[in-house]
């Protein structure tokens, strides 16, 4: 049985993680921490039965909660600033982490990788844990290799509550395509385009545009457009609900619990892609 700590059970993803974790026969949810809904039953937040009757603990007491419950794996879908503090506490307690929070700083990533190795606690960090999205990443790379001379644009749309412009998924897509083409993101990526007469540079090796929409309650749409004179190809992924992200995160929990190599894994490795 995998003893699971959930960081951020009050959020949309956190509630789904609680529900799927409590319903999974291989997982025992032993603790949940947040800055809100402290003292609330996670069964009430997730609308599911909880045999352990877990209440939401104060994340400021995370070290004490870890000592009392001794989780094997922690899962975090919160905000970058919170994740960067709390996941370091977890890994220093030899807890394996699954992090789906986006916007993590490069400084954190470098320090966290050192901690993973120091404390022998492998982790999974991914901008998007949905199976379909990670197949989308794979196909985007394959198409880019064949269409290196075409123009490539990335478009993404999310709900109005999303805090980061240019989603982690769109940035990961851009990084994968740039790696395939052998170019640096800083050299070719254009984040939207200002009003004016400037023309797009021809060919993806010279310029790749990323464009984002924030509107309504869109869960998550991502499109890669490959265009040449007289024809185009569009690769598209749409999330109909957050269940695809949550179920992928539970798969990552089971994977990292058994992982032998001490490193930071991606969801593509979890899915053997």
Protein backbone atom coordinates (compact mmCIF):
# COMPACT_ATOMS: atom_id res chain seq x y z
CA UNK A 1 0.00 0.00 0.00
CA UNK A 2 1.34 3.42 -0.98
CA UNK A 3 0.99 6.00 1.78
CA UNK A 4 0.13 9.27 0.04
CA UNK A 5 0.38 12.90 1.17
CA UNK A 6 -1.70 15.36 -0.88
CA UNK A 7 -0.55 18.97 -1.02
CA UNK A 8 -3.34 21.34 -2.06
CA UNK A 9 -6.51 19.25 -1.58
CA UNK A 10 -8.72 22.36 -1.80
CA UNK A 11 -7.96 23.11 -5.46
CA UNK A 12 -9.73 21.68 -8.48
CA UNK A 13 -6.95 19.18 -9.14
CA UNK A 14 -6.44 18.51 -5.44
CA UNK A 15 -10.04 17.44 -4.99
CA UNK A 16 -9.79 15.04 -7.92
CA UNK A 17 -6.53 13.61 -6.57
CA UNK A 18 -8.23 13.07 -3.20
CA UNK A 19 -11.14 11.28 -4.87
CA UNK A 20 -9.02 9.00 -7.05
CA UNK A 21 -6.55 8.32 -4.24
CA UNK A 22 -9.27 7.36 -1.78
CA UNK A 23 -10.93 5.10 -4.35
CA UNK A 24 -7.70 3.33 -5.39
CA UNK A 25 -7.03 -0.02 -3.74
CA UNK A 26 -3.24 0.43 -3.96
CA UNK A 27 -3.17 3.81 -2.21
CA UNK A 28 -3.79 4.93 1.36
CA UNK A 29 -4.21 8.69 1.74
CA UNK A 30 -2.56 9.42 5.10
CA UNK A 31 -2.46 13.23 5.09
CA UNK A 32 -3.49 16.36 3.21
CA UNK A 33 -2.14 19.89 3.72
CA UNK A 34 -3.27 23.31 2.55
CA UNK A 35 -3.55 26.97 3.48
CA UNK A 36 -7.35 26.87 3.30
CA UNK A 37 -10.12 24.54 4.50
CA UNK A 38 -7.93 23.57 7.47
CA UNK A 39 -9.83 21.10 9.66
CA UNK A 40 -12.23 20.13 6.86
CA UNK A 41 -12.67 16.45 6.04
CA UNK A 42 -11.15 15.59 2.68
CA UNK A 43 -14.10 13.25 2.14
CA UNK A 44 -16.33 16.33 2.11
CA UNK A 45 -14.04 18.22 -0.28
CA UNK A 46 -13.86 15.28 -2.67
CA UNK A 47 -17.39 13.95 -2.16
CA UNK A 48 -16.14 10.44 -1.46
CA UNK A 49 -15.90 8.11 1.53
CA UNK A 50 -12.66 8.15 3.53
CA UNK A 51 -11.99 5.18 5.87
CA UNK A 52 -9.25 7.13 7.68
CA UNK A 53 -11.38 10.26 8.16
CA UNK A 54 -8.47 12.54 7.18
CA UNK A 55 -8.79 16.28 7.82
CA UNK A 56 -6.90 19.02 6.02
CA UNK A 57 -3.80 20.00 7.99
CA UNK A 58 -2.08 23.37 8.04
CA UNK A 59 0.74 23.28 5.50
CA UNK A 60 2.80 25.43 7.87
CA UNK A 61 2.93 22.32 10.08
CA UNK A 62 4.11 20.12 7.21
CA UNK A 63 7.22 18.77 8.97
CA UNK A 64 5.20 17.70 12.01
CA UNK A 65 2.50 16.11 9.83
CA UNK A 66 5.15 14.16 7.91
CA UNK A 67 6.67 12.87 11.15
CA UNK A 68 3.25 11.75 12.37
CA UNK A 69 2.05 10.06 9.15
CA UNK A 70 5.27 8.95 7.38
CA UNK A 71 4.04 9.12 3.77
CA UNK A 72 5.87 7.32 0.95
CA UNK A 73 4.87 9.76 -1.80
CA UNK A 74 3.73 13.39 -1.86
CA UNK A 75 1.74 14.85 -4.72
CA UNK A 76 1.60 18.60 -5.39
CA UNK A 77 -0.77 20.55 -7.65
CA UNK A 78 -0.59 23.97 -6.00
CA UNK A 79 1.28 27.18 -6.87
CA UNK A 80 4.93 27.36 -7.82
CA UNK A 81 6.03 29.36 -4.77
CA UNK A 82 4.32 26.92 -2.41
CA UNK A 83 5.55 23.82 -4.25
CA UNK A 84 9.12 25.06 -4.19
CA UNK A 85 9.02 25.24 -0.38
CA UNK A 86 6.95 22.19 0.47
CA UNK A 87 8.42 19.69 -1.97
CA UNK A 88 11.92 20.43 -0.65
CA UNK A 89 10.68 19.62 2.85
CA UNK A 90 9.21 16.37 1.55
CA UNK A 91 12.31 15.18 -0.29
CA UNK A 92 14.49 15.98 2.74
CA UNK A 93 12.30 13.47 4.58
CA UNK A 94 12.99 10.81 1.91
CA UNK A 95 9.50 11.23 0.47
CA UNK A 96 9.17 10.69 -3.26
CA UNK A 97 7.36 13.53 -5.03
CA UNK A 98 4.97 13.88 -7.94
CA UNK A 99 4.80 17.55 -8.97
CA UNK A 100 2.24 18.76 -11.49
CA UNK A 101 2.55 22.43 -10.53
CA UNK A 102 3.77 24.63 -13.39
CA UNK A 103 5.93 27.76 -13.38
CA UNK A 104 8.70 26.25 -11.24
CA UNK A 105 11.89 28.32 -11.29
CA UNK A 106 15.14 27.10 -12.78
CA UNK A 107 16.85 27.70 -9.43
CA UNK A 108 14.38 25.38 -7.74
CA UNK A 109 14.79 22.71 -10.40
CA UNK A 110 18.55 22.71 -9.99
CA UNK A 111 18.39 22.59 -6.18
CA UNK A 112 15.64 19.98 -6.17
CA UNK A 113 17.61 17.69 -8.47
CA UNK A 114 20.53 17.82 -6.03
CA UNK A 115 18.19 17.01 -3.11
CA UNK A 116 16.65 14.08 -5.02
CA UNK A 117 20.12 12.56 -5.38
CA UNK A 118 21.25 13.45 -1.87
CA UNK A 119 18.20 11.91 -0.18
CA UNK A 120 17.68 9.02 -2.63
CA UNK A 121 14.12 10.12 -3.35
CA UNK A 122 13.20 10.00 -7.06
CA UNK A 123 10.49 12.33 -8.31
CA UNK A 124 8.19 12.93 -11.27
CA UNK A 125 7.83 16.50 -12.51
CA UNK A 126 5.62 17.19 -15.51
CA UNK A 127 3.75 20.17 -16.91
CA UNK A 128 0.98 17.81 -17.99
CA UNK A 129 0.37 14.25 -16.81
CA UNK A 130 -2.44 13.31 -19.18
CA UNK A 131 -1.66 10.30 -21.37
CA UNK A 132 -2.99 11.98 -24.51
CA UNK A 133 -0.91 15.12 -23.98
CA UNK A 134 2.29 13.13 -23.66
CA UNK A 135 1.49 11.29 -26.88
CA UNK A 136 0.82 14.76 -28.34
CA UNK A 137 4.37 15.76 -27.29
CA UNK A 138 5.79 12.67 -29.00
CA UNK A 139 3.92 13.28 -32.26
CA UNK A 140 4.83 16.99 -32.22
CA UNK A 141 8.49 16.00 -32.16
CA UNK A 142 8.11 13.45 -34.96
CA UNK A 143 6.30 15.92 -37.21
CA UNK A 144 8.86 18.66 -36.51
CA UNK A 145 11.65 16.36 -37.64
CA UNK A 146 9.93 15.83 -40.99
CA UNK A 147 8.76 19.45 -41.39
CA UNK A 148 11.81 21.39 -40.25
CA UNK A 149 11.50 23.85 -43.16
CA UNK A 150 7.83 24.60 -42.52
CA UNK A 151 6.44 27.36 -40.31
CA UNK A 152 5.38 26.15 -36.85
CA UNK A 153 3.01 27.97 -34.48
CA UNK A 154 1.73 26.85 -31.07
CA UNK A 155 -1.69 27.93 -29.81
CA UNK A 156 -3.18 27.25 -26.37
CA UNK A 157 -6.44 28.16 -24.62
CA UNK A 158 -7.41 27.90 -20.96
CA UNK A 159 -9.99 29.21 -18.48
CA UNK A 160 -9.83 32.77 -17.18
CA UNK A 161 -8.62 31.67 -13.71
CA UNK A 162 -5.33 30.25 -15.01
CA UNK A 163 -2.55 32.28 -13.44
CA UNK A 164 0.28 31.75 -15.92
CA UNK A 165 0.31 33.03 -19.48
CA UNK A 166 1.88 30.46 -21.80
CA UNK A 167 0.97 27.19 -20.15
CA UNK A 168 3.54 24.69 -19.01
CA UNK A 169 2.21 22.36 -21.69
CA UNK A 170 2.74 24.88 -24.51
CA UNK A 171 6.24 25.70 -23.26
CA UNK A 172 7.08 21.99 -23.01
CA UNK A 173 5.81 21.54 -26.57
CA UNK A 174 8.01 24.41 -27.72
CA UNK A 175 11.05 22.96 -25.93
CA UNK A 176 10.50 19.52 -27.48
CA UNK A 177 10.17 21.00 -30.98
CA UNK A 178 13.24 23.21 -30.51
CA UNK A 179 15.28 20.24 -29.28
CA UNK A 180 14.17 18.27 -32.33
CA UNK A 181 15.21 21.12 -34.65
CA UNK A 182 18.49 21.74 -32.82
CA UNK A 183 17.72 25.36 -31.93
CA UNK A 184 17.51 27.29 -28.67
CA UNK A 185 14.12 28.49 -27.42
CA UNK A 186 15.51 31.92 -26.55
CA UNK A 187 16.64 32.35 -30.16
CA UNK A 188 13.44 31.43 -31.99
CA UNK A 189 10.37 31.61 -29.71
CA UNK A 190 8.09 34.65 -30.12
CA UNK A 191 5.50 35.08 -27.37
CA UNK A 192 2.56 36.53 -29.27
CA UNK A 193 3.24 39.39 -31.63
CA UNK A 194 2.90 43.14 -31.03
CA UNK A 195 0.88 45.32 -33.34
CA UNK A 196 2.97 46.59 -36.21
CA UNK A 197 4.38 45.81 -39.65
CA UNK A 198 7.01 43.22 -38.61
CA UNK A 199 6.77 40.00 -40.62
CA UNK A 200 7.21 36.46 -39.36
CA UNK A 201 10.60 34.95 -40.16
CA UNK A 202 10.18 32.02 -42.54
CA UNK A 203 10.78 28.51 -41.22
CA UNK A 204 10.59 27.08 -37.69
CA UNK A 205 14.37 27.16 -37.28
CA UNK A 206 14.11 30.95 -37.42
CA UNK A 207 10.88 31.63 -35.55
CA UNK A 208 8.17 29.74 -33.66
CA UNK A 209 5.21 31.68 -32.28
CA UNK A 210 3.27 30.83 -29.12
CA UNK A 211 -0.15 32.37 -28.60
CA UNK A 212 -2.46 32.01 -25.60
CA UNK A 213 -6.16 32.56 -24.95
CA UNK A 214 -7.77 32.93 -21.53
CA UNK A 215 -11.56 32.71 -21.71
CA UNK A 216 -14.54 31.17 -19.96
CA UNK A 217 -14.09 27.71 -18.47
CA UNK A 218 -11.88 26.10 -21.14
CA UNK A 219 -10.09 23.20 -19.46
CA UNK A 220 -7.17 23.11 -21.87
CA UNK A 221 -6.71 23.16 -25.64
CA UNK A 222 -3.34 22.89 -27.39
CA UNK A 223 -2.64 23.07 -31.12
CA UNK A 224 0.59 22.86 -33.09
CA UNK A 225 0.17 24.29 -36.59
CA UNK A 226 2.65 23.20 -39.29
CA UNK A 227 2.22 25.29 -42.45
CA UNK A 228 3.84 25.46 -45.88
CA UNK A 229 2.72 27.04 -49.16
CA UNK A 230 -0.51 25.39 -50.24
CA UNK A 231 -0.99 23.06 -47.24
CA UNK A 232 -0.95 22.74 -43.47
CA UNK A 233 -1.16 20.12 -40.71
CA UNK A 234 -2.79 20.78 -37.34
CA UNK A 235 -2.00 18.59 -34.31
CA UNK A 236 -4.56 19.16 -31.56
CA UNK A 237 -5.25 17.97 -28.02
CA UNK A 238 -8.35 18.96 -26.05
CA UNK A 239 -8.97 18.16 -22.38
CA UNK A 240 -12.68 17.62 -21.77
CA UNK A 241 -12.23 17.46 -17.99
CA UNK A 242 -9.44 17.48 -15.42
CA UNK A 243 -9.88 13.74 -14.85
CA UNK A 244 -7.25 13.01 -17.50
CA UNK A 245 -4.67 14.99 -15.53
CA UNK A 246 -5.64 13.47 -12.19
CA UNK A 247 -5.62 9.87 -13.41
CA UNK A 248 -2.21 10.47 -14.99
CA UNK A 249 -0.95 11.82 -11.67
CA UNK A 250 -2.13 8.69 -9.85
CA UNK A 251 -0.25 6.60 -12.43
CA UNK A 252 2.84 8.70 -11.69
CA UNK A 253 2.44 8.08 -7.94
CA UNK A 254 2.50 4.31 -8.51
CA UNK A 255 5.45 4.63 -10.89
CA UNK A 256 7.65 6.74 -8.61
CA UNK A 257 6.88 4.53 -5.60
CA UNK A 258 8.55 1.62 -7.41
CA UNK A 259 11.21 3.61 -9.30
CA UNK A 260 14.74 2.25 -8.85
CA UNK A 261 16.86 4.91 -10.55
CA UNK A 262 17.36 8.03 -8.43
CA UNK A 263 16.44 10.90 -10.76
CA UNK A 264 13.68 13.27 -11.81
CA UNK A 265 11.38 11.53 -14.29
CA UNK A 266 8.95 12.99 -16.82
CA UNK A 267 5.51 11.63 -17.63
CA UNK A 268 6.88 10.47 -20.98
CA UNK A 269 9.17 8.15 -19.01
CA UNK A 270 6.29 7.08 -16.78
CA UNK A 271 4.37 6.07 -19.92
CA UNK A 272 7.45 4.58 -21.61
CA UNK A 273 7.19 7.01 -24.54
